[in-house]
């Protein structure tokens, strides 16, 4: 086992083809409802499994067997992808009145989305679930492995996962997707994060810097590096990404990807994070890994819903 992914497992309810997002009290029409697996951490685990050798990715999280069968979507997709789910805490439905994590995602005709997350039992994902995966941490440490996490889970649990990862010598890659505006990440970042990948909105929450160009991205990155982070990758949608490390300061533009008229932001950041992790593990330089990661995220934008990019689809592997 090479990678542990910690966090949320959701079922996505995606409304496509919406002419525009409604104002309060307004009634608008869309095109189609897509129901599929989601959750930022679950997406990353699934996408990683499509870019790495078999049986090298494991998921740690929490879900519940609900009466509607919603829990099966994310679990089945992980298992089909070859992700180990032995450390996902699956509750029996009669043990809680909560549902699995659910995300309501309207998508307009330009591919812009809004995401409303109903965490359900993910709100109860706690440090005991991390401790239950101690054997997994030991196995991944033996392979010089990595921990990946997002913030679609309680902050205390995320911070504890980072502490445990550093205890076992794992490299931590952190996507702050799901961050709340009042979140204090001092403890989490101070516990030891190798790479952080915020988008421009998350970067502003984390640093107070409004990322609009290279100079402002550099300012935000320096603020994060002062908190102990080694590598900062700030994604900015159609404007690509900015990558900063001790040796590197570079803008990664979005490549021209043709072949599909589909436009959907859902999962683009998750795909970028998964590819970044996969190619760092594969020994690519940071710049090469980031270039492939931005390409993978762009390819995901031209797919409706979560459709992981395959290793065979990417050049220069």
C-alpha atoms as a PDB file:
ATOM      1  CA  UNK A   1       0.000   0.000   0.000  1.00  0.00           C
ATOM      2  CA  UNK A   2       1.361   3.409  -1.002  1.00  0.00           C
ATOM      3  CA  UNK A   3      -1.316   6.052  -0.311  1.00  0.00           C
ATOM      4  CA  UNK A   4      -3.905   6.731   2.393  1.00  0.00           C
ATOM      5  CA  UNK A   5      -6.744   9.094   1.501  1.00  0.00           C
ATOM      6  CA  UNK A   6      -8.650  10.477   4.487  1.00  0.00           C
ATOM      7  CA  UNK A   7     -12.062  12.146   4.457  1.00  0.00           C
ATOM      8  CA  UNK A   8     -15.511  12.177   2.925  1.00  0.00           C
ATOM      9  CA  UNK A   9     -17.566   9.700   0.939  1.00  0.00           C
ATOM     10  CA  UNK A  10     -20.600  11.374  -0.639  1.00  0.00           C
ATOM     11  CA  UNK A  11     -23.273  10.622  -3.184  1.00  0.00           C
ATOM     12  CA  UNK A  12     -23.530  13.448  -5.722  1.00  0.00           C
ATOM     13  CA  UNK A  13     -26.904  14.619  -7.020  1.00  0.00           C
ATOM     14  CA  UNK A  14     -25.967  16.732 -10.053  1.00  0.00           C
ATOM     15  CA  UNK A  15     -28.503  18.894 -11.911  1.00  0.00           C
ATOM     16  CA  UNK A  16     -27.110  19.687 -15.384  1.00  0.00           C
ATOM     17  CA  UNK A  17     -27.991  22.156 -18.124  1.00  0.00           C
ATOM     18  CA  UNK A  18     -29.311  24.920 -15.881  1.00  0.00           C
ATOM     19  CA  UNK A  19     -29.708  28.151 -17.852  1.00  0.00           C
ATOM     20  CA  UNK A  20     -28.590  30.203 -14.865  1.00  0.00           C
ATOM     21  CA  UNK A  21     -28.490  29.812 -11.118  1.00  0.00           C
ATOM     22  CA  UNK A  22     -31.807  30.883  -9.558  1.00  0.00           C
ATOM     23  CA  UNK A  23     -32.265  33.854  -7.289  1.00  0.00           C
ATOM     24  CA  UNK A  24     -34.071  33.397  -3.990  1.00  0.00           C
ATOM     25  CA  UNK A  25     -37.617  32.203  -4.647  1.00  0.00           C
ATOM     26  CA  UNK A  26     -37.022  31.789  -8.386  1.00  0.00           C
ATOM     27  CA  UNK A  27     -37.985  28.700 -10.434  1.00  0.00           C
ATOM     28  CA  UNK A  28     -35.578  27.584 -13.202  1.00  0.00           C
ATOM     29  CA  UNK A  29     -35.247  24.457 -15.334  1.00  0.00           C
ATOM     30  CA  UNK A  30     -32.337  22.154 -15.998  1.00  0.00           C
ATOM     31  CA  UNK A  31     -31.678  19.256 -18.335  1.00  0.00           C
ATOM     32  CA  UNK A  32     -30.780  16.066 -16.492  1.00  0.00           C
ATOM     33  CA  UNK A  33     -30.181  14.602 -13.031  1.00  0.00           C
ATOM     34  CA  UNK A  34     -26.990  12.599 -12.605  1.00  0.00           C
ATOM     35  CA  UNK A  35     -26.529  10.465  -9.492  1.00  0.00           C
ATOM     36  CA  UNK A  36     -23.046   9.218  -8.798  1.00  0.00           C
ATOM     37  CA  UNK A  37     -20.208   8.793  -6.328  1.00  0.00           C
ATOM     38  CA  UNK A  38     -18.639  11.875  -4.803  1.00  0.00           C
ATOM     39  CA  UNK A  39     -16.942  13.386  -1.802  1.00  0.00           C
ATOM     40  CA  UNK A  40     -13.665  15.203  -2.366  1.00  0.00           C
ATOM     41  CA  UNK A  41     -11.506  12.617  -0.626  1.00  0.00           C
ATOM     42  CA  UNK A  42     -13.367   9.705  -2.205  1.00  0.00           C
ATOM     43  CA  UNK A  43     -12.980  11.309  -5.627  1.00  0.00           C
ATOM     44  CA  UNK A  44      -9.249  11.715  -5.100  1.00  0.00           C
ATOM     45  CA  UNK A  45      -8.866   8.086  -3.988  1.00  0.00           C
ATOM     46  CA  UNK A  46     -10.807   6.844  -7.028  1.00  0.00           C
ATOM     47  CA  UNK A  47      -8.844   9.066  -9.408  1.00  0.00           C
ATOM     48  CA  UNK A  48      -5.518   8.092  -7.826  1.00  0.00           C
ATOM     49  CA  UNK A  49      -6.307   4.429  -8.344  1.00  0.00           C
ATOM     50  CA  UNK A  50      -6.669   5.097 -12.091  1.00  0.00           C
ATOM     51  CA  UNK A  51      -3.208   6.704 -12.216  1.00  0.00           C
ATOM     52  CA  UNK A  52      -1.165   4.387  -9.971  1.00  0.00           C
ATOM     53  CA  UNK A  53      -0.316   0.667  -9.768  1.00  0.00           C
ATOM     54  CA  UNK A  54      -3.014  -1.727  -8.551  1.00  0.00           C
ATOM     55  CA  UNK A  55      -3.709  -2.162  -4.844  1.00  0.00           C
ATOM     56  CA  UNK A  56      -1.766   0.901  -3.710  1.00  0.00           C
ATOM     57  CA  UNK A  57      -4.576   3.230  -2.537  1.00  0.00           C
ATOM     58  CA  UNK A  58      -6.677   2.923   0.638  1.00  0.00           C
ATOM     59  CA  UNK A  59      -9.571   5.044   1.894  1.00  0.00           C
ATOM     60  CA  UNK A  60     -10.237   5.996   5.512  1.00  0.00           C
ATOM     61  CA  UNK A  61     -13.651   7.514   6.230  1.00  0.00           C
ATOM     62  CA  UNK A  62     -17.163   6.865   7.485  1.00  0.00           C
ATOM     63  CA  UNK A  63     -20.549   6.051   5.941  1.00  0.00           C
ATOM     64  CA  UNK A  64     -23.841   4.367   6.857  1.00  0.00           C
ATOM     65  CA  UNK A  65     -26.118   1.759   5.291  1.00  0.00           C
ATOM     66  CA  UNK A  66     -29.154   3.966   4.657  1.00  0.00           C
ATOM     67  CA  UNK A  67     -32.612   2.809   3.549  1.00  0.00           C
ATOM     68  CA  UNK A  68     -32.231   4.520   0.159  1.00  0.00           C
ATOM     69  CA  UNK A  69     -29.008   2.728  -0.731  1.00  0.00           C
ATOM     70  CA  UNK A  70     -27.165   6.013  -1.225  1.00  0.00           C
ATOM     71  CA  UNK A  71     -24.115   4.668   0.611  1.00  0.00           C
ATOM     72  CA  UNK A  72     -23.464   2.092  -2.106  1.00  0.00           C
ATOM     73  CA  UNK A  73     -22.605   4.581  -4.873  1.00  0.00           C
ATOM     74  CA  UNK A  74     -19.303   5.824  -3.410  1.00  0.00           C
ATOM     75  CA  UNK A  75     -18.328   2.472  -1.892  1.00  0.00           C
ATOM     76  CA  UNK A  76     -19.003   0.478  -5.059  1.00  0.00           C
ATOM     77  CA  UNK A  77     -17.058   2.957  -7.185  1.00  0.00           C
ATOM     78  CA  UNK A  78     -14.043   2.737  -4.871  1.00  0.00           C
ATOM     79  CA  UNK A  79     -14.090  -1.037  -4.959  1.00  0.00           C
ATOM     80  CA  UNK A  80     -14.411  -1.099  -8.762  1.00  0.00           C
ATOM     81  CA  UNK A  81     -11.387   1.199  -8.977  1.00  0.00           C
ATOM     82  CA  UNK A  82      -9.360  -1.107  -6.745  1.00  0.00           C
ATOM     83  CA  UNK A  83      -9.260   1.161  -3.694  1.00  0.00           C
ATOM     84  CA  UNK A  84      -9.041  -0.681  -0.379  1.00  0.00           C
ATOM     85  CA  UNK A  85     -12.111   0.159   1.731  1.00  0.00           C
ATOM     86  CA  UNK A  86     -11.306  -2.031   4.747  1.00  0.00           C
ATOM     87  CA  UNK A  87     -10.755   1.102   6.846  1.00  0.00           C
ATOM     88  CA  UNK A  88     -14.007   2.849   5.947  1.00  0.00           C
ATOM     89  CA  UNK A  89     -16.209   2.671   9.045  1.00  0.00           C
ATOM     90  CA  UNK A  90     -19.596   1.464   7.751  1.00  0.00           C
ATOM     91  CA  UNK A  91     -22.398   1.966  10.274  1.00  0.00           C
ATOM     92  CA  UNK A  92     -25.595  -0.047  10.291  1.00  0.00           C
ATOM     93  CA  UNK A  93     -28.630   2.070   9.456  1.00  0.00           C
ATOM     94  CA  UNK A  94     -30.433   1.328  12.699  1.00  0.00           C
ATOM     95  CA  UNK A  95     -27.503   2.742  14.690  1.00  0.00           C
ATOM     96  CA  UNK A  96     -28.007   6.367  13.617  1.00  0.00           C
ATOM     97  CA  UNK A  97     -30.654   8.694  12.238  1.00  0.00           C
ATOM     98  CA  UNK A  98     -28.134  10.333   9.886  1.00  0.00           C
ATOM     99  CA  UNK A  99     -27.689   9.696   6.162  1.00  0.00           C
ATOM    100  CA  UNK A 100     -24.439   9.210   4.246  1.00  0.00           C
ATOM    101  CA  UNK A 101     -22.779  12.345   2.931  1.00  0.00           C
ATOM    102  CA  UNK A 102     -24.725  13.927   0.078  1.00  0.00           C
ATOM    103  CA  UNK A 103     -23.780  16.778  -2.275  1.00  0.00           C
ATOM    104  CA  UNK A 104     -26.369  18.785  -4.213  1.00  0.00           C
ATOM    105  CA  UNK A 105     -24.656  20.213  -7.312  1.00  0.00           C
ATOM    106  CA  UNK A 106     -26.407  22.440  -9.867  1.00  0.00           C
ATOM    107  CA  UNK A 107     -24.331  22.980 -13.034  1.00  0.00           C
ATOM    108  CA  UNK A 108     -25.090  25.751 -15.530  1.00  0.00           C
ATOM    109  CA  UNK A 109     -24.623  25.574 -19.302  1.00  0.00           C
ATOM    110  CA  UNK A 110     -21.157  27.122 -19.055  1.00  0.00           C
ATOM    111  CA  UNK A 111     -19.989  24.389 -16.679  1.00  0.00           C
ATOM    112  CA  UNK A 112     -20.015  26.513 -13.528  1.00  0.00           C
ATOM    113  CA  UNK A 113     -21.310  24.764 -10.445  1.00  0.00           C
ATOM    114  CA  UNK A 114     -22.477  25.366  -6.922  1.00  0.00           C
ATOM    115  CA  UNK A 115     -22.037  22.701  -4.246  1.00  0.00           C
ATOM    116  CA  UNK A 116     -24.159  22.182  -1.152  1.00  0.00           C
ATOM    117  CA  UNK A 117     -22.720  19.445   1.066  1.00  0.00           C
ATOM    118  CA  UNK A 118     -24.890  17.631   3.593  1.00  0.00           C
ATOM    119  CA  UNK A 119     -22.201  15.798   5.598  1.00  0.00           C
ATOM    120  CA  UNK A 120     -24.441  13.292   7.370  1.00  0.00           C
ATOM    121  CA  UNK A 121     -22.327  10.738   9.226  1.00  0.00           C
ATOM    122  CA  UNK A 122     -19.132  12.349   7.905  1.00  0.00           C
ATOM    123  CA  UNK A 123     -19.668  14.885  10.694  1.00  0.00           C
ATOM    124  CA  UNK A 124     -19.038  12.033  13.151  1.00  0.00           C
ATOM    125  CA  UNK A 125     -15.801  10.862  11.499  1.00  0.00           C
ATOM    126  CA  UNK A 126     -13.357  11.147  14.386  1.00  0.00           C
ATOM    127  CA  UNK A 127      -9.891  10.372  15.715  1.00  0.00           C
ATOM    128  CA  UNK A 128     -10.964   6.856  16.707  1.00  0.00           C
ATOM    129  CA  UNK A 129     -11.493   6.105  13.007  1.00  0.00           C
ATOM    130  CA  UNK A 130      -7.908   7.220  12.360  1.00  0.00           C
ATOM    131  CA  UNK A 131      -6.592   5.096  15.231  1.00  0.00           C
ATOM    132  CA  UNK A 132      -8.463   2.091  13.835  1.00  0.00           C
ATOM    133  CA  UNK A 133      -6.274   2.428  10.728  1.00  0.00           C
ATOM    134  CA  UNK A 134      -2.937   2.242  12.590  1.00  0.00           C
ATOM    135  CA  UNK A 135      -1.954  -0.970  10.782  1.00  0.00           C
ATOM    136  CA  UNK A 136      -2.595   0.778   7.467  1.00  0.00           C
ATOM    137  CA  UNK A 137      -0.374   3.713   8.476  1.00  0.00           C
ATOM    138  CA  UNK A 138       2.387   1.246   9.364  1.00  0.00           C
ATOM    139  CA  UNK A 139       2.070  -0.553   6.015  1.00  0.00           C
ATOM    140  CA  UNK A 140       2.150   2.681   4.014  1.00  0.00           C
ATOM    141  CA  UNK A 141       5.111   3.972   6.029  1.00  0.00           C
ATOM    142  CA  UNK A 142       7.017   0.811   5.123  1.00  0.00           C
ATOM    143  CA  UNK A 143       6.579   1.790   1.452  1.00  0.00           C
ATOM    144  CA  UNK A 144       7.686   5.414   1.943  1.00  0.00           C
ATOM    145  CA  UNK A 145       4.103   6.428   1.290  1.00  0.00           C
ATOM    146  CA  UNK A 146       1.786   9.395   1.302  1.00  0.00           C
ATOM    147  CA  UNK A 147      -1.291  10.678   3.102  1.00  0.00           C
ATOM    148  CA  UNK A 148      -3.799  12.807   1.173  1.00  0.00           C
ATOM    149  CA  UNK A 149      -6.674  14.634   2.833  1.00  0.00           C
ATOM    150  CA  UNK A 150      -9.324  17.308   2.341  1.00  0.00           C
ATOM    151  CA  UNK A 151     -11.499  19.307   4.728  1.00  0.00           C
ATOM    152  CA  UNK A 152     -14.834  17.608   4.048  1.00  0.00           C
ATOM    153  CA  UNK A 153     -14.479  16.146   7.533  1.00  0.00           C
ATOM    154  CA  UNK A 154     -14.125  17.565  11.057  1.00  0.00           C
ATOM    155  CA  UNK A 155     -11.040  19.762  11.390  1.00  0.00           C
ATOM    156  CA  UNK A 156      -9.958  17.982  14.577  1.00  0.00           C
ATOM    157  CA  UNK A 157      -9.939  14.656  12.731  1.00  0.00           C
ATOM    158  CA  UNK A 158      -8.016  16.099   9.798  1.00  0.00           C
ATOM    159  CA  UNK A 159      -5.398  17.598  12.126  1.00  0.00           C
ATOM    160  CA  UNK A 160      -5.023  14.306  13.962  1.00  0.00           C
ATOM    161  CA  UNK A 161      -4.568  12.445  10.671  1.00  0.00           C
ATOM    162  CA  UNK A 162      -1.717  14.811   9.763  1.00  0.00           C
ATOM    163  CA  UNK A 163      -0.126  14.283  13.171  1.00  0.00           C
ATOM    164  CA  UNK A 164      -0.314  10.510  12.748  1.00  0.00           C
ATOM    165  CA  UNK A 165       1.079  10.710   9.239  1.00  0.00           C
ATOM    166  CA  UNK A 166       4.103  12.632  10.482  1.00  0.00           C
ATOM    167  CA  UNK A 167       4.504  10.216  13.382  1.00  0.00           C
ATOM    168  CA  UNK A 168       4.841   7.382  10.861  1.00  0.00           C
ATOM    169  CA  UNK A 169       6.942   9.394   8.404  1.00  0.00           C
ATOM    170  CA  UNK A 170       4.363   9.817   5.642  1.00  0.00           C
ATOM    171  CA  UNK A 171       4.469  12.727   3.207  1.00  0.00           C
ATOM    172  CA  UNK A 172       1.275  14.811   3.590  1.00  0.00           C
ATOM    173  CA  UNK A 173      -0.522  16.352   0.607  1.00  0.00           C
ATOM    174  CA  UNK A 174      -3.427  18.567   1.623  1.00  0.00           C
ATOM    175  CA  UNK A 175      -6.334  19.883  -0.443  1.00  0.00           C
ATOM    176  CA  UNK A 176      -8.208  22.429   1.719  1.00  0.00           C
ATOM    177  CA  UNK A 177     -11.383  22.003  -0.321  1.00  0.00           C
ATOM    178  CA  UNK A 178     -14.339  22.160   2.039  1.00  0.00           C
ATOM    179  CA  UNK A 179     -12.702  24.792   4.254  1.00  0.00           C
ATOM    180  CA  UNK A 180     -15.072  27.035   6.182  1.00  0.00           C
ATOM    181  CA  UNK A 181     -14.499  30.779   6.299  1.00  0.00           C
ATOM    182  CA  UNK A 182     -13.748  30.828  10.033  1.00  0.00           C
ATOM    183  CA  UNK A 183     -11.484  27.768  10.087  1.00  0.00           C
ATOM    184  CA  UNK A 184      -8.186  28.006  11.979  1.00  0.00           C
ATOM    185  CA  UNK A 185      -5.681  25.652  10.350  1.00  0.00           C
ATOM    186  CA  UNK A 186      -2.723  26.623  12.515  1.00  0.00           C
ATOM    187  CA  UNK A 187      -2.604  23.239  14.242  1.00  0.00           C
ATOM    188  CA  UNK A 188      -3.077  21.240  11.052  1.00  0.00           C
ATOM    189  CA  UNK A 189      -0.446  23.087   9.031  1.00  0.00           C
ATOM    190  CA  UNK A 190       1.909  23.124  11.993  1.00  0.00           C
ATOM    191  CA  UNK A 191       1.670  19.343  12.261  1.00  0.00           C
ATOM    192  CA  UNK A 192       3.634  18.970   9.024  1.00  0.00           C
ATOM    193  CA  UNK A 193       2.249  19.434   5.496  1.00  0.00           C
ATOM    194  CA  UNK A 194       4.497  18.873   2.470  1.00  0.00           C
ATOM    195  CA  UNK A 195       2.141  20.239  -0.199  1.00  0.00           C
ATOM    196  CA  UNK A 196      -1.053  22.291  -0.073  1.00  0.00           C
ATOM    197  CA  UNK A 197      -3.301  22.843  -3.109  1.00  0.00           C
ATOM    198  CA  UNK A 198      -5.890  25.576  -2.516  1.00  0.00           C
ATOM    199  CA  UNK A 199      -7.838  27.295  -5.251  1.00  0.00           C
ATOM    200  CA  UNK A 200      -7.869  31.082  -5.262  1.00  0.00           C
ATOM    201  CA  UNK A 201     -10.934  31.266  -2.992  1.00  0.00           C
ATOM    202  CA  UNK A 202      -9.431  28.886  -0.436  1.00  0.00           C
ATOM    203  CA  UNK A 203      -6.104  30.720  -0.617  1.00  0.00           C
ATOM    204  CA  UNK A 204      -7.867  33.945   0.362  1.00  0.00           C
ATOM    205  CA  UNK A 205      -9.508  32.253   3.359  1.00  0.00           C
ATOM    206  CA  UNK A 206      -6.147  30.826   4.420  1.00  0.00           C
ATOM    207  CA  UNK A 207      -4.019  33.938   3.912  1.00  0.00           C
ATOM    208  CA  UNK A 208      -6.268  36.954   3.348  1.00  0.00           C
ATOM    209  CA  UNK A 209      -4.601  37.488  -0.043  1.00  0.00           C
ATOM    210  CA  UNK A 210      -6.843  37.970  -3.081  1.00  0.00           C
ATOM    211  CA  UNK A 211      -5.055  35.867  -5.722  1.00  0.00           C
ATOM    212  CA  UNK A 212      -5.376  37.575  -9.114  1.00  0.00           C
ATOM    213  CA  UNK A 213      -1.946  37.182 -10.706  1.00  0.00           C
ATOM    214  CA  UNK A 214       1.543  35.774 -10.182  1.00  0.00           C
ATOM    215  CA  UNK A 215       2.613  38.382  -7.621  1.00  0.00           C
ATOM    216  CA  UNK A 216      -0.470  37.938  -5.433  1.00  0.00           C
ATOM    217  CA  UNK A 217      -0.185  34.157  -5.736  1.00  0.00           C
ATOM    218  CA  UNK A 218       3.432  34.409  -4.589  1.00  0.00           C
ATOM    219  CA  UNK A 219       2.357  36.521  -1.614  1.00  0.00           C
ATOM    220  CA  UNK A 220      -0.245  33.916  -0.607  1.00  0.00           C
ATOM    221  CA  UNK A 221       2.249  31.097  -1.077  1.00  0.00           C
ATOM    222  CA  UNK A 222       4.833  32.809   1.114  1.00  0.00           C
ATOM    223  CA  UNK A 223       2.248  33.195   3.873  1.00  0.00           C
ATOM    224  CA  UNK A 224       1.561  29.462   3.746  1.00  0.00           C
ATOM    225  CA  UNK A 225       5.246  28.572   3.610  1.00  0.00           C
ATOM    226  CA  UNK A 226       5.803  30.653   6.737  1.00  0.00           C
ATOM    227  CA  UNK A 227       3.432  28.209   8.463  1.00  0.00           C
ATOM    228  CA  UNK A 228       5.686  25.303   7.520  1.00  0.00           C
ATOM    229  CA  UNK A 229       4.302  24.124   4.175  1.00  0.00           C
ATOM    230  CA  UNK A 230       7.042  23.166   1.704  1.00  0.00           C
ATOM    231  CA  UNK A 231       5.164  23.295  -1.614  1.00  0.00           C
ATOM    232  CA  UNK A 232       2.195  25.503  -2.528  1.00  0.00           C
ATOM    233  CA  UNK A 233       0.104  24.942  -5.657  1.00  0.00           C
ATOM    234  CA  UNK A 234      -2.681  27.502  -6.125  1.00  0.00           C
ATOM    235  CA  UNK A 235      -5.188  26.579  -8.822  1.00  0.00           C
ATOM    236  CA  UNK A 236      -7.111  29.329 -10.611  1.00  0.00           C
ATOM    237  CA  UNK A 237      -9.525  27.580 -12.979  1.00  0.00           C
ATOM    238  CA  UNK A 238      -9.129  28.675 -16.604  1.00  0.00           C
ATOM    239  CA  UNK A 239      -5.981  30.591 -15.640  1.00  0.00           C
ATOM    240  CA  UNK A 240      -4.130  27.421 -14.644  1.00  0.00           C
ATOM    241  CA  UNK A 241      -2.053  27.128 -11.496  1.00  0.00           C
ATOM    242  CA  UNK A 242       0.830  28.767  -9.652  1.00  0.00           C
ATOM    243  CA  UNK A 243       3.486  26.508  -8.138  1.00  0.00           C
ATOM    244  CA  UNK A 244       5.917  27.585  -5.441  1.00  0.00           C
ATOM    245  CA  UNK A 245       8.648  25.692  -3.599  1.00  0.00           C
ATOM    246  CA  UNK A 246      12.078  26.566  -2.236  1.00  0.00           C
ATOM    247  CA  UNK A 247      13.577  26.012  -5.697  1.00  0.00           C
ATOM    248  CA  UNK A 248      10.656  26.866  -7.984  1.00  0.00           C
ATOM    249  CA  UNK A 249       8.257  29.714  -8.778  1.00  0.00           C
ATOM    250  CA  UNK A 250       6.225  29.078 -11.917  1.00  0.00           C
ATOM    251  CA  UNK A 251       2.854  29.578 -13.598  1.00  0.00           C
ATOM    252  CA  UNK A 252       1.313  26.473 -15.197  1.00  0.00           C
ATOM    253  CA  UNK A 253      -1.133  27.507 -17.961  1.00  0.00           C
ATOM    254  CA  UNK A 254      -4.243  25.549 -18.887  1.00  0.00           C
ATOM    255  CA  UNK A 255      -3.608  23.421 -21.997  1.00  0.00           C
ATOM    256  CA  UNK A 256      -5.888  23.393 -25.021  1.00  0.00           C
ATOM    257  CA  UNK A 257      -8.041  20.281 -24.657  1.00  0.00           C
ATOM    258  CA  UNK A 258     -10.439  19.512 -27.492  1.00  0.00           C
ATOM    259  CA  UNK A 259     -12.809  16.654 -28.252  1.00  0.00           C
ATOM    260  CA  UNK A 260     -15.851  17.348 -26.078  1.00  0.00           C
ATOM    261  CA  UNK A 261     -18.405  20.120 -25.717  1.00  0.00           C
ATOM    262  CA  UNK A 262     -19.165  19.056 -22.134  1.00  0.00           C
ATOM    263  CA  UNK A 263     -18.387  21.585 -19.416  1.00  0.00           C
ATOM    264  CA  UNK A 264     -18.592  20.689 -15.726  1.00  0.00           C
ATOM    265  CA  UNK A 265     -16.388  21.961 -12.894  1.00  0.00           C
ATOM    266  CA  UNK A 266     -17.372  19.015 -10.692  1.00  0.00           C
ATOM    267  CA  UNK A 267     -14.281  17.086  -9.612  1.00  0.00           C
ATOM    268  CA  UNK A 268     -11.727  19.196 -11.497  1.00  0.00           C
ATOM    269  CA  UNK A 269      -9.810  20.155  -8.368  1.00  0.00           C
ATOM    270  CA  UNK A 270      -9.967  16.584  -7.091  1.00  0.00           C
ATOM    271  CA  UNK A 271      -8.576  15.287 -10.385  1.00  0.00           C
ATOM    272  CA  UNK A 272      -5.765  17.834 -10.249  1.00  0.00           C
ATOM    273  CA  UNK A 273      -4.884  16.779  -6.703  1.00  0.00           C
ATOM    274  CA  UNK A 274      -4.967  13.075  -7.552  1.00  0.00           C
ATOM    275  CA  UNK A 275      -2.680  13.554 -10.532  1.00  0.00           C
ATOM    276  CA  UNK A 276      -0.282  15.739  -8.545  1.00  0.00           C
ATOM    277  CA  UNK A 277       0.021  13.026  -5.910  1.00  0.00           C
ATOM    278  CA  UNK A 278       0.371  10.234  -8.470  1.00  0.00           C
ATOM    279  CA  UNK A 279       3.151  11.911 -10.417  1.00  0.00           C
ATOM    280  CA  UNK A 280       5.079  13.050  -7.354  1.00  0.00           C
ATOM    281  CA  UNK A 281       5.011   9.418  -6.225  1.00  0.00           C
ATOM    282  CA  UNK A 282       6.145   8.350  -9.698  1.00  0.00           C
ATOM    283  CA  UNK A 283       9.265  10.499  -9.357  1.00  0.00           C
ATOM    284  CA  UNK A 284       8.326  13.389 -11.642  1.00  0.00           C
ATOM    285  CA  UNK A 285       9.737  16.823 -10.920  1.00  0.00           C
ATOM    286  CA  UNK A 286       7.317  19.209  -9.224  1.00  0.00           C
ATOM    287  CA  UNK A 287       6.913  21.222 -12.436  1.00  0.00           C
ATOM    288  CA  UNK A 288       6.255  18.142 -14.580  1.00  0.00           C
ATOM    289  CA  UNK A 289       3.846  16.731 -12.006  1.00  0.00           C
ATOM    290  CA  UNK A 290       1.975  20.046 -11.847  1.00  0.00           C
ATOM    291  CA  UNK A 291       1.809  20.322 -15.636  1.00  0.00           C
ATOM    292  CA  UNK A 292       0.261  16.860 -15.908  1.00  0.00           C
ATOM    293  CA  UNK A 293      -2.034  17.608 -12.975  1.00  0.00           C
ATOM    294  CA  UNK A 294      -3.397  20.770 -14.613  1.00  0.00           C
ATOM    295  CA  UNK A 295      -3.902  18.809 -17.840  1.00  0.00           C
ATOM    296  CA  UNK A 296      -5.811  16.089 -15.988  1.00  0.00           C
ATOM    297  CA  UNK A 297      -7.992  18.662 -14.239  1.00  0.00           C
ATOM    298  CA  UNK A 298      -8.740  20.335 -17.570  1.00  0.00           C
ATOM    299  CA  UNK A 299      -9.715  16.999 -19.110  1.00  0.00           C
ATOM    300  CA  UNK A 300     -12.079  16.394 -16.178  1.00  0.00           C
ATOM    301  CA  UNK A 301     -13.750  19.763 -16.878  1.00  0.00           C
ATOM    302  CA  UNK A 302     -14.839  18.425 -20.267  1.00  0.00           C
ATOM    303  CA  UNK A 303     -16.604  15.417 -18.706  1.00  0.00           C
ATOM    304  CA  UNK A 304     -20.023  15.406 -17.067  1.00  0.00           C
ATOM    305  CA  UNK A 305     -19.846  14.258 -13.465  1.00  0.00           C
ATOM    306  CA  UNK A 306     -16.945  12.272 -12.050  1.00  0.00           C
ATOM    307  CA  UNK A 307     -15.179  10.336 -14.822  1.00  0.00           C
ATOM    308  CA  UNK A 308     -11.577   9.719 -13.731  1.00  0.00           C
ATOM    309  CA  UNK A 309      -8.784  10.421 -16.191  1.00  0.00           C
ATOM    310  CA  UNK A 310      -6.829   7.298 -17.098  1.00  0.00           C
ATOM    311  CA  UNK A 311      -3.048   7.094 -17.111  1.00  0.00           C
ATOM    312  CA  UNK A 312      -3.189   5.991 -20.758  1.00  0.00           C
ATOM    313  CA  UNK A 313      -4.918   9.272 -21.679  1.00  0.00           C
ATOM    314  CA  UNK A 314      -2.045  11.443 -20.480  1.00  0.00           C
ATOM    315  CA  UNK A 315       1.091  12.172 -22.519  1.00  0.00           C
ATOM    316  CA  UNK A 316       4.687  11.884 -21.383  1.00  0.00           C
ATOM    317  CA  UNK A 317       4.015   9.222 -18.784  1.00  0.00           C
END
